[in-house]
Amino acid sequence: MRTILILVMATMAALTLGCQQAAEKAAEKAIAEQSGGRIAADISGDSVTLTDKETGAETVLGKDAKMPEGWPASIPQYPGSTVMESVTQDGPDGKVMHVMMTTPDSFEAVLDFYREKVKAAGYKVLAESSVPDGGMVMFEGENGTVHVNAMAGDEGCNIMVDIAPPRPE
């Protein structure tokens, strides 16, 4: 997967230098070959979609990234944030989802927002920790777990939110 991500970054660089369509097709082919045909890549403009043909996992990077399909409305996108990456994957216990966002707001504001919204959705705080430049809160509820990580970045805050289904007992 590391090699595939390197190919994606090289492709994005090539796209900025021109020959966009040819570079996109060459990179899509290289990713497919590198993965043994397992990963299908769709590179268009400033976005990359990688799909694992065996698991159905989908990763979207770039301008076309948005909240994953099926993301619960009770766990909203942080207001005014930009989605940079979204991942969905069917796991043994159900769908696992991940989203990475950026916002100019502080990590404290982000964590406060999610504490309020996720608790209101019926989850309880399972764990919480902080460091000088960020923190994380893990919630648990009937519908599984929600993990929110917010860290100060160059221009605001980087947010990662993961949702996992409940584990069978």
N, C-alpha and C. Protein backbone atom coordinates (compact mmCIF):
# COMPACT_ATOMS: atom_id res chain seq x y z
N MET A 1 0.82 -1.18 0.00
CA MET A 1 0.00 0.00 0.00
C MET A 1 0.87 1.25 0.00
N ARG A 2 2.04 1.19 0.67
CA ARG A 2 2.95 2.34 0.70
C ARG A 2 3.38 2.70 -0.72
N THR A 3 3.71 1.69 -1.52
CA THR A 3 4.13 1.94 -2.90
C THR A 3 3.00 2.59 -3.68
N ILE A 4 1.77 2.16 -3.44
CA ILE A 4 0.63 2.73 -4.13
C ILE A 4 0.48 4.20 -3.76
N LEU A 5 0.63 4.54 -2.50
CA LEU A 5 0.53 5.94 -2.08
C LEU A 5 1.64 6.78 -2.69
N ILE A 6 2.84 6.22 -2.83
CA ILE A 6 3.94 6.92 -3.49
C ILE A 6 3.58 7.19 -4.94
N LEU A 7 3.00 6.19 -5.61
CA LEU A 7 2.57 6.38 -6.99
C LEU A 7 1.50 7.46 -7.09
N VAL A 8 0.58 7.49 -6.14
CA VAL A 8 -0.46 8.52 -6.15
C VAL A 8 0.17 9.91 -6.01
N MET A 9 1.12 10.06 -5.09
CA MET A 9 1.77 11.36 -4.91
C MET A 9 2.55 11.76 -6.16
N ALA A 10 3.22 10.82 -6.78
CA ALA A 10 3.96 11.11 -8.01
C ALA A 10 3.00 11.54 -9.11
N THR A 11 1.85 10.90 -9.15
CA THR A 11 0.85 11.25 -10.15
C THR A 11 0.35 12.67 -9.95
N MET A 12 0.07 13.02 -8.70
CA MET A 12 -0.41 14.36 -8.42
C MET A 12 0.63 15.40 -8.85
N ALA A 13 1.91 15.09 -8.65
CA ALA A 13 2.98 16.00 -9.09
C ALA A 13 3.00 16.10 -10.61
N ALA A 14 2.85 14.97 -11.28
CA ALA A 14 2.85 14.98 -12.75
C ALA A 14 1.68 15.77 -13.30
N LEU A 15 0.55 15.70 -12.61
CA LEU A 15 -0.63 16.42 -13.08
C LEU A 15 -0.41 17.92 -13.04
N THR A 16 0.35 18.39 -12.07
CA THR A 16 0.60 19.83 -11.98
C THR A 16 1.55 20.29 -13.08
N LEU A 17 2.28 19.38 -13.67
CA LEU A 17 3.23 19.73 -14.72
C LEU A 17 2.64 19.61 -16.12
N GLY A 18 1.39 19.17 -16.23
CA GLY A 18 0.77 19.05 -17.54
C GLY A 18 0.60 17.60 -17.95
N CYS A 19 0.16 17.38 -19.18
CA CYS A 19 -0.08 16.03 -19.71
C CYS A 19 -1.02 15.27 -18.77
N GLN A 20 -2.05 15.96 -18.32
CA GLN A 20 -2.91 15.43 -17.27
C GLN A 20 -3.54 14.09 -17.62
N GLN A 21 -4.20 14.00 -18.74
CA GLN A 21 -4.92 12.77 -19.07
C GLN A 21 -3.98 11.58 -19.23
N ALA A 22 -2.88 11.78 -19.91
CA ALA A 22 -1.92 10.68 -20.10
C ALA A 22 -1.31 10.27 -18.76
N ALA A 23 -0.99 11.23 -17.92
CA ALA A 23 -0.42 10.93 -16.60
C ALA A 23 -1.42 10.17 -15.74
N GLU A 24 -2.70 10.58 -15.80
CA GLU A 24 -3.74 9.89 -15.02
C GLU A 24 -3.83 8.43 -15.43
N LYS A 25 -3.91 8.17 -16.73
CA LYS A 25 -4.04 6.79 -17.22
C LYS A 25 -2.81 5.96 -16.89
N ALA A 26 -1.64 6.54 -17.02
CA ALA A 26 -0.40 5.81 -16.71
C ALA A 26 -0.35 5.47 -15.22
N ALA A 27 -0.75 6.41 -14.39
CA ALA A 27 -0.72 6.15 -12.94
C ALA A 27 -1.76 5.11 -12.55
N GLU A 28 -2.95 5.18 -13.13
CA GLU A 28 -3.98 4.17 -12.85
C GLU A 28 -3.49 2.78 -13.21
N LYS A 29 -2.82 2.67 -14.36
CA LYS A 29 -2.28 1.38 -14.80
C LYS A 29 -1.17 0.92 -13.85
N ALA A 30 -0.28 1.82 -13.46
CA ALA A 30 0.83 1.46 -12.56
C ALA A 30 0.30 0.99 -11.20
N ILE A 31 -0.73 1.64 -10.69
CA ILE A 31 -1.31 1.24 -9.41
C ILE A 31 -1.92 -0.14 -9.53
N ALA A 32 -2.66 -0.38 -10.59
CA ALA A 32 -3.26 -1.71 -10.80
C ALA A 32 -2.19 -2.78 -10.90
N GLU A 33 -1.13 -2.52 -11.66
CA GLU A 33 -0.05 -3.50 -11.80
C GLU A 33 0.66 -3.73 -10.48
N GLN A 34 0.97 -2.66 -9.75
CA GLN A 34 1.68 -2.77 -8.48
C GLN A 34 0.89 -3.58 -7.47
N SER A 35 -0.45 -3.49 -7.54
CA SER A 35 -1.29 -4.21 -6.58
C SER A 35 -1.69 -5.59 -7.08
N GLY A 36 -1.14 -6.00 -8.21
CA GLY A 36 -1.53 -7.30 -8.77
C GLY A 36 -2.96 -7.31 -9.29
N GLY A 37 -3.46 -6.14 -9.66
CA GLY A 37 -4.82 -6.02 -10.17
C GLY A 37 -5.87 -5.88 -9.08
N ARG A 38 -5.44 -5.90 -7.84
CA ARG A 38 -6.39 -5.84 -6.71
C ARG A 38 -6.97 -4.44 -6.52
N ILE A 39 -6.15 -3.40 -6.76
CA ILE A 39 -6.59 -2.02 -6.53
C ILE A 39 -6.91 -1.36 -7.87
N ALA A 40 -8.13 -0.81 -7.95
CA ALA A 40 -8.52 -0.04 -9.12
C ALA A 40 -8.40 1.43 -8.73
N ALA A 41 -7.74 2.20 -9.57
CA ALA A 41 -7.56 3.62 -9.31
C ALA A 41 -8.33 4.43 -10.33
N ASP A 42 -8.96 5.48 -9.87
CA ASP A 42 -9.63 6.43 -10.74
C ASP A 42 -9.06 7.80 -10.38
N ILE A 43 -8.23 8.32 -11.25
CA ILE A 43 -7.59 9.60 -11.02
C ILE A 43 -8.21 10.60 -11.97
N SER A 44 -8.79 11.64 -11.40
CA SER A 44 -9.39 12.67 -12.24
C SER A 44 -9.17 14.03 -11.60
N GLY A 45 -8.42 14.85 -12.31
CA GLY A 45 -8.14 16.19 -11.82
C GLY A 45 -7.35 16.15 -10.52
N ASP A 46 -7.94 16.73 -9.48
CA ASP A 46 -7.26 16.83 -8.19
C ASP A 46 -7.68 15.76 -7.20
N SER A 47 -8.28 14.67 -7.68
CA SER A 47 -8.76 13.63 -6.77
C SER A 47 -8.34 12.24 -7.23
N VAL A 48 -8.21 11.36 -6.24
CA VAL A 48 -7.86 9.97 -6.50
C VAL A 48 -8.82 9.09 -5.72
N THR A 49 -9.41 8.11 -6.40
CA THR A 49 -10.25 7.11 -5.73
C THR A 49 -9.59 5.76 -5.92
N LEU A 50 -9.30 5.09 -4.81
CA LEU A 50 -8.72 3.75 -4.84
C LEU A 50 -9.76 2.77 -4.32
N THR A 51 -10.02 1.69 -5.07
CA THR A 51 -10.99 0.69 -4.67
C THR A 51 -10.33 -0.67 -4.65
N ASP A 52 -10.43 -1.34 -3.51
CA ASP A 52 -9.91 -2.70 -3.36
C ASP A 52 -10.97 -3.65 -3.89
N LYS A 53 -10.66 -4.34 -4.99
CA LYS A 53 -11.62 -5.21 -5.65
C LYS A 53 -12.01 -6.41 -4.80
N GLU A 54 -11.14 -6.81 -3.88
CA GLU A 54 -11.44 -7.97 -3.03
C GLU A 54 -12.31 -7.62 -1.84
N THR A 55 -12.02 -6.49 -1.20
CA THR A 55 -12.75 -6.14 0.03
C THR A 55 -13.82 -5.09 -0.19
N GLY A 56 -13.75 -4.38 -1.31
CA GLY A 56 -14.70 -3.30 -1.55
C GLY A 56 -14.32 -2.01 -0.85
N ALA A 57 -13.21 -2.00 -0.13
CA ALA A 57 -12.77 -0.79 0.57
C ALA A 57 -12.53 0.31 -0.45
N GLU A 58 -12.96 1.51 -0.12
CA GLU A 58 -12.78 2.64 -1.03
C GLU A 58 -12.14 3.78 -0.28
N THR A 59 -11.11 4.37 -0.89
CA THR A 59 -10.43 5.53 -0.34
C THR A 59 -10.50 6.65 -1.36
N VAL A 60 -10.94 7.83 -0.92
CA VAL A 60 -11.01 9.00 -1.79
C VAL A 60 -10.11 10.07 -1.18
N LEU A 61 -9.19 10.58 -1.99
CA LEU A 61 -8.26 11.63 -1.57
C LEU A 61 -8.42 12.82 -2.49
N GLY A 62 -8.32 14.03 -1.95
CA GLY A 62 -8.32 15.22 -2.78
C GLY A 62 -9.64 15.97 -2.75
N LYS A 63 -9.83 16.82 -3.76
CA LYS A 63 -10.98 17.73 -3.79
C LYS A 63 -12.33 17.04 -3.83
N ASP A 64 -12.41 15.83 -4.37
CA ASP A 64 -13.69 15.13 -4.46
C ASP A 64 -14.02 14.34 -3.20
N ALA A 65 -13.14 14.36 -2.21
CA ALA A 65 -13.41 13.63 -0.98
C ALA A 65 -14.61 14.27 -0.27
N LYS A 66 -15.48 13.43 0.25
CA LYS A 66 -16.64 13.91 1.00
C LYS A 66 -16.97 12.86 2.06
N MET A 67 -17.90 13.17 2.91
CA MET A 67 -18.28 12.24 3.95
C MET A 67 -18.71 10.93 3.28
N PRO A 68 -18.30 9.79 3.84
CA PRO A 68 -18.62 8.51 3.22
C PRO A 68 -20.13 8.26 3.15
N GLU A 69 -20.54 7.55 2.11
CA GLU A 69 -21.94 7.16 1.98
C GLU A 69 -22.32 6.30 3.18
N GLY A 70 -23.45 6.59 3.77
CA GLY A 70 -23.90 5.84 4.93
C GLY A 70 -23.41 6.41 6.26
N TRP A 71 -22.65 7.52 6.22
CA TRP A 71 -22.16 8.15 7.44
C TRP A 71 -23.38 8.60 8.25
N PRO A 72 -23.42 8.28 9.54
CA PRO A 72 -24.61 8.63 10.34
C PRO A 72 -24.77 10.15 10.51
N ALA A 73 -25.99 10.62 10.30
CA ALA A 73 -26.27 12.06 10.44
C ALA A 73 -26.05 12.54 11.86
N SER A 74 -26.13 11.64 12.83
CA SER A 74 -25.96 12.02 14.23
C SER A 74 -24.49 12.33 14.57
N ILE A 75 -23.57 11.99 13.68
CA ILE A 75 -22.14 12.29 13.85
C ILE A 75 -21.76 13.19 12.66
N PRO A 76 -22.07 14.50 12.75
CA PRO A 76 -21.93 15.37 11.57
C PRO A 76 -20.48 15.72 11.22
N GLN A 77 -20.33 16.17 9.97
CA GLN A 77 -19.07 16.76 9.55
C GLN A 77 -18.88 18.03 10.37
N TYR A 78 -17.65 18.32 10.78
CA TYR A 78 -17.39 19.53 11.55
C TYR A 78 -17.75 20.73 10.68
N PRO A 79 -18.54 21.68 11.22
CA PRO A 79 -18.99 22.83 10.42
C PRO A 79 -17.82 23.62 9.82
N GLY A 80 -17.93 23.88 8.53
CA GLY A 80 -16.91 24.67 7.83
C GLY A 80 -15.63 23.92 7.51
N SER A 81 -15.59 22.63 7.83
CA SER A 81 -14.37 21.86 7.55
C SER A 81 -14.33 21.42 6.10
N THR A 82 -13.14 21.03 5.65
CA THR A 82 -12.94 20.47 4.32
C THR A 82 -12.53 19.02 4.48
N VAL A 83 -13.25 18.13 3.80
CA VAL A 83 -12.90 16.71 3.84
C VAL A 83 -11.72 16.49 2.90
N MET A 84 -10.66 15.88 3.43
CA MET A 84 -9.45 15.61 2.66
C MET A 84 -9.35 14.15 2.25
N GLU A 85 -9.97 13.27 3.05
CA GLU A 85 -9.86 11.83 2.80
C GLU A 85 -11.08 11.15 3.40
N SER A 86 -11.62 10.18 2.68
CA SER A 86 -12.67 9.34 3.25
C SER A 86 -12.40 7.90 2.86
N VAL A 87 -12.68 7.01 3.82
CA VAL A 87 -12.43 5.58 3.61
C VAL A 87 -13.63 4.81 4.14
N THR A 88 -14.09 3.85 3.37
CA THR A 88 -15.11 2.91 3.84
C THR A 88 -14.62 1.50 3.57
N GLN A 89 -14.96 0.61 4.49
CA GLN A 89 -14.55 -0.78 4.33
C GLN A 89 -15.54 -1.66 5.08
N ASP A 90 -15.93 -2.75 4.45
CA ASP A 90 -16.76 -3.73 5.13
C ASP A 90 -15.87 -4.60 5.98
N GLY A 91 -16.12 -4.58 7.28
CA GLY A 91 -15.36 -5.41 8.21
C GLY A 91 -16.20 -6.61 8.62
N PRO A 92 -15.65 -7.50 9.43
CA PRO A 92 -16.37 -8.70 9.83
C PRO A 92 -17.63 -8.39 10.65
N ASP A 93 -17.67 -7.22 11.30
CA ASP A 93 -18.83 -6.87 12.13
C ASP A 93 -19.71 -5.80 11.51
N GLY A 94 -19.36 -5.34 10.30
CA GLY A 94 -20.12 -4.29 9.63
C GLY A 94 -19.20 -3.27 9.00
N LYS A 95 -19.78 -2.18 8.53
CA LYS A 95 -19.03 -1.14 7.82
C LYS A 95 -18.21 -0.29 8.78
N VAL A 96 -16.94 -0.09 8.44
CA VAL A 96 -16.02 0.77 9.16
C VAL A 96 -15.79 1.99 8.28
N MET A 97 -15.86 3.19 8.89
CA MET A 97 -15.69 4.41 8.11
C MET A 97 -14.67 5.33 8.78
N HIS A 98 -13.95 6.06 7.95
CA HIS A 98 -12.92 6.99 8.42
C HIS A 98 -13.00 8.24 7.57
N VAL A 99 -12.85 9.38 8.21
CA VAL A 99 -12.80 10.63 7.45
C VAL A 99 -11.72 11.52 8.08
N MET A 100 -10.99 12.22 7.22
CA MET A 100 -10.01 13.20 7.67
C MET A 100 -10.44 14.57 7.12
N MET A 101 -10.48 15.57 8.02
CA MET A 101 -10.91 16.90 7.65
C MET A 101 -9.89 17.93 8.13
N THR A 102 -9.99 19.13 7.60
CA THR A 102 -9.21 20.26 8.11
C THR A 102 -10.17 21.41 8.39
N THR A 103 -9.80 22.22 9.35
CA THR A 103 -10.58 23.41 9.69
C THR A 103 -9.63 24.48 10.22
N PRO A 104 -9.98 25.74 10.05
CA PRO A 104 -9.15 26.79 10.65
C PRO A 104 -9.38 26.92 12.16
N ASP A 105 -10.37 26.22 12.70
CA ASP A 105 -10.69 26.30 14.12
C ASP A 105 -9.67 25.57 14.98
N SER A 106 -9.73 25.80 16.28
CA SER A 106 -8.80 25.16 17.22
C SER A 106 -9.21 23.72 17.49
N PHE A 107 -8.25 22.91 17.91
CA PHE A 107 -8.57 21.52 18.25
C PHE A 107 -9.52 21.46 19.44
N GLU A 108 -9.43 22.43 20.36
CA GLU A 108 -10.34 22.46 21.51
C GLU A 108 -11.79 22.63 21.04
N ALA A 109 -12.01 23.54 20.09
CA ALA A 109 -13.36 23.77 19.56
C ALA A 109 -13.89 22.52 18.89
N VAL A 110 -13.02 21.82 18.15
CA VAL A 110 -13.43 20.60 17.47
C VAL A 110 -13.83 19.52 18.48
N LEU A 111 -12.99 19.29 19.48
CA LEU A 111 -13.29 18.27 20.47
C LEU A 111 -14.56 18.61 21.26
N ASP A 112 -14.75 19.89 21.59
CA ASP A 112 -15.97 20.30 22.29
C ASP A 112 -17.21 20.02 21.43
N PHE A 113 -17.12 20.35 20.14
CA PHE A 113 -18.23 20.11 19.21
C PHE A 113 -18.61 18.63 19.20
N TYR A 114 -17.61 17.76 19.03
CA TYR A 114 -17.91 16.33 18.94
C TYR A 114 -18.36 15.76 20.29
N ARG A 115 -17.82 16.25 21.40
CA ARG A 115 -18.31 15.80 22.71
C ARG A 115 -19.82 16.05 22.81
N GLU A 116 -20.24 17.26 22.43
CA GLU A 116 -21.66 17.62 22.50
C GLU A 116 -22.50 16.78 21.54
N LYS A 117 -22.11 16.70 20.28
CA LYS A 117 -22.92 16.01 19.26
C LYS A 117 -22.98 14.51 19.48
N VAL A 118 -21.86 13.90 19.81
CA VAL A 118 -21.83 12.43 19.94
C VAL A 118 -22.55 12.00 21.22
N LYS A 119 -22.37 12.76 22.30
CA LYS A 119 -23.13 12.46 23.52
C LYS A 119 -24.63 12.60 23.27
N ALA A 120 -25.03 13.65 22.54
CA ALA A 120 -26.45 13.86 22.22
C ALA A 120 -27.01 12.72 21.37
N ALA A 121 -26.14 12.03 20.64
CA ALA A 121 -26.56 10.89 19.82
C ALA A 121 -26.66 9.60 20.64
N GLY A 122 -26.42 9.70 21.96
CA GLY A 122 -26.59 8.54 22.83
C GLY A 122 -25.33 7.77 23.15
N TYR A 123 -24.19 8.31 22.81
CA TYR A 123 -22.92 7.65 23.11
C TYR A 123 -22.39 8.16 24.44
N LYS A 124 -21.58 7.36 25.10
CA LYS A 124 -20.90 7.80 26.32
C LYS A 124 -19.40 7.86 26.05
N VAL A 125 -18.72 8.73 26.77
CA VAL A 125 -17.27 8.84 26.63
C VAL A 125 -16.63 7.60 27.23
N LEU A 126 -15.84 6.93 26.44
CA LEU A 126 -15.15 5.72 26.88
C LEU A 126 -13.72 6.04 27.32
N ALA A 127 -13.07 6.95 26.60
CA ALA A 127 -11.69 7.34 26.91
C ALA A 127 -11.44 8.73 26.35
N GLU A 128 -10.51 9.42 26.99
CA GLU A 128 -10.16 10.76 26.55
C GLU A 128 -8.70 11.01 26.91
N SER A 129 -7.98 11.69 26.03
CA SER A 129 -6.60 12.06 26.34
C SER A 129 -6.25 13.36 25.63
N SER A 130 -5.20 14.00 26.11
CA SER A 130 -4.78 15.24 25.46
C SER A 130 -3.26 15.37 25.52
N VAL A 131 -2.76 16.13 24.59
CA VAL A 131 -1.36 16.53 24.51
C VAL A 131 -1.38 18.04 24.27
N PRO A 132 -0.25 18.72 24.36
CA PRO A 132 -0.28 20.18 24.19
C PRO A 132 -0.92 20.66 22.87
N ASP A 133 -0.77 19.89 21.80
CA ASP A 133 -1.28 20.34 20.50
C ASP A 133 -2.49 19.57 20.00
N GLY A 134 -3.18 18.85 20.88
CA GLY A 134 -4.34 18.12 20.41
C GLY A 134 -4.92 17.19 21.45
N GLY A 135 -5.81 16.35 20.97
CA GLY A 135 -6.43 15.40 21.88
C GLY A 135 -7.31 14.43 21.13
N MET A 136 -7.86 13.47 21.89
CA MET A 136 -8.76 12.49 21.30
C MET A 136 -9.83 12.13 22.31
N VAL A 137 -10.99 11.77 21.77
CA VAL A 137 -12.10 11.29 22.58
C VAL A 137 -12.65 10.06 21.89
N MET A 138 -12.85 8.99 22.67
CA MET A 138 -13.45 7.77 22.14
C MET A 138 -14.80 7.59 22.82
N PHE A 139 -15.81 7.33 22.01
CA PHE A 139 -17.18 7.17 22.48
C PHE A 139 -17.65 5.74 22.19
N GLU A 140 -18.59 5.28 23.00
CA GLU A 140 -19.18 3.96 22.77
C GLU A 140 -20.69 4.07 22.94
N GLY A 141 -21.41 3.38 22.06
CA GLY A 141 -22.86 3.37 22.14
C GLY A 141 -23.41 2.11 21.49
N GLU A 142 -24.73 2.03 21.43
CA GLU A 142 -25.38 0.86 20.84
C GLU A 142 -24.92 0.61 19.40
N ASN A 143 -24.63 1.69 18.68
CA ASN A 143 -24.26 1.57 17.27
C ASN A 143 -22.77 1.38 17.04
N GLY A 144 -21.99 1.21 18.12
CA GLY A 144 -20.56 0.97 17.96
C GLY A 144 -19.72 2.02 18.65
N THR A 145 -18.55 2.30 18.05
CA THR A 145 -17.64 3.26 18.64
C THR A 145 -17.37 4.40 17.66
N VAL A 146 -17.09 5.55 18.24
CA VAL A 146 -16.70 6.73 17.48
C VAL A 146 -15.41 7.23 18.12
N HIS A 147 -14.40 7.43 17.30
CA HIS A 147 -13.11 7.90 17.78
C HIS A 147 -12.81 9.22 17.06
N VAL A 148 -12.61 10.29 17.84
CA VAL A 148 -12.33 11.61 17.28
C VAL A 148 -10.94 12.03 17.74
N ASN A 149 -10.10 12.39 16.79
CA ASN A 149 -8.74 12.85 17.06
C ASN A 149 -8.59 14.21 16.40
N ALA A 150 -8.18 15.22 17.17
CA ALA A 150 -7.98 16.57 16.62
C ALA A 150 -6.60 17.07 17.03
N MET A 151 -5.83 17.51 16.05
CA MET A 151 -4.46 17.98 16.30
C MET A 151 -4.25 19.32 15.60
N ALA A 152 -3.55 20.21 16.29
CA ALA A 152 -3.22 21.49 15.68
C ALA A 152 -2.35 21.25 14.45
N GLY A 153 -2.64 21.98 13.40
CA GLY A 153 -1.88 21.87 12.16
C GLY A 153 -1.29 23.21 11.78
N ASP A 154 -0.74 23.29 10.57
CA ASP A 154 -0.12 24.53 10.10
C ASP A 154 -1.12 25.69 10.03
N GLU A 155 -2.34 25.39 9.61
CA GLU A 155 -3.35 26.44 9.44
C GLU A 155 -4.65 26.06 10.12
N GLY A 156 -4.59 25.71 11.38
CA GLY A 156 -5.81 25.34 12.09
C GLY A 156 -5.68 23.97 12.71
N CYS A 157 -6.58 23.09 12.31
CA CYS A 157 -6.68 21.79 12.97
C CYS A 157 -6.93 20.68 11.96
N ASN A 158 -6.30 19.53 12.18
CA ASN A 158 -6.56 18.32 11.41
C ASN A 158 -7.44 17.42 12.26
N ILE A 159 -8.50 16.92 11.66
CA ILE A 159 -9.50 16.11 12.37
C ILE A 159 -9.57 14.74 11.73
N MET A 160 -9.58 13.71 12.55
CA MET A 160 -9.84 12.35 12.07
C MET A 160 -11.00 11.79 12.89
N VAL A 161 -12.01 11.26 12.21
CA VAL A 161 -13.13 10.63 12.88
C VAL A 161 -13.29 9.23 12.30
N ASP A 162 -13.33 8.25 13.19
CA ASP A 162 -13.51 6.85 12.80
C ASP A 162 -14.78 6.32 13.45
N ILE A 163 -15.56 5.58 12.68
CA ILE A 163 -16.77 4.95 13.19
C ILE A 163 -16.66 3.46 12.92
N ALA A 164 -16.88 2.66 13.97
CA ALA A 164 -16.82 1.21 13.83
C ALA A 164 -18.10 0.62 14.43
N PRO A 165 -18.61 -0.45 13.84
CA PRO A 165 -19.82 -1.09 14.37
C PRO A 165 -19.53 -1.76 15.71
N PRO A 166 -20.59 -2.10 16.45
CA PRO A 166 -20.37 -2.79 17.72
C PRO A 166 -19.75 -4.16 17.49
N ARG A 167 -18.94 -4.58 18.43
CA ARG A 167 -18.34 -5.92 18.36
C ARG A 167 -19.32 -6.92 18.95
N PRO A 168 -19.39 -8.09 18.34
CA PRO A 168 -20.29 -9.10 18.92
C PRO A 168 -19.76 -9.56 20.28
N GLU A 169 -20.67 -9.85 21.17
CA GLU A 169 -20.24 -10.27 22.51
C GLU A 169 -20.07 -11.76 22.61
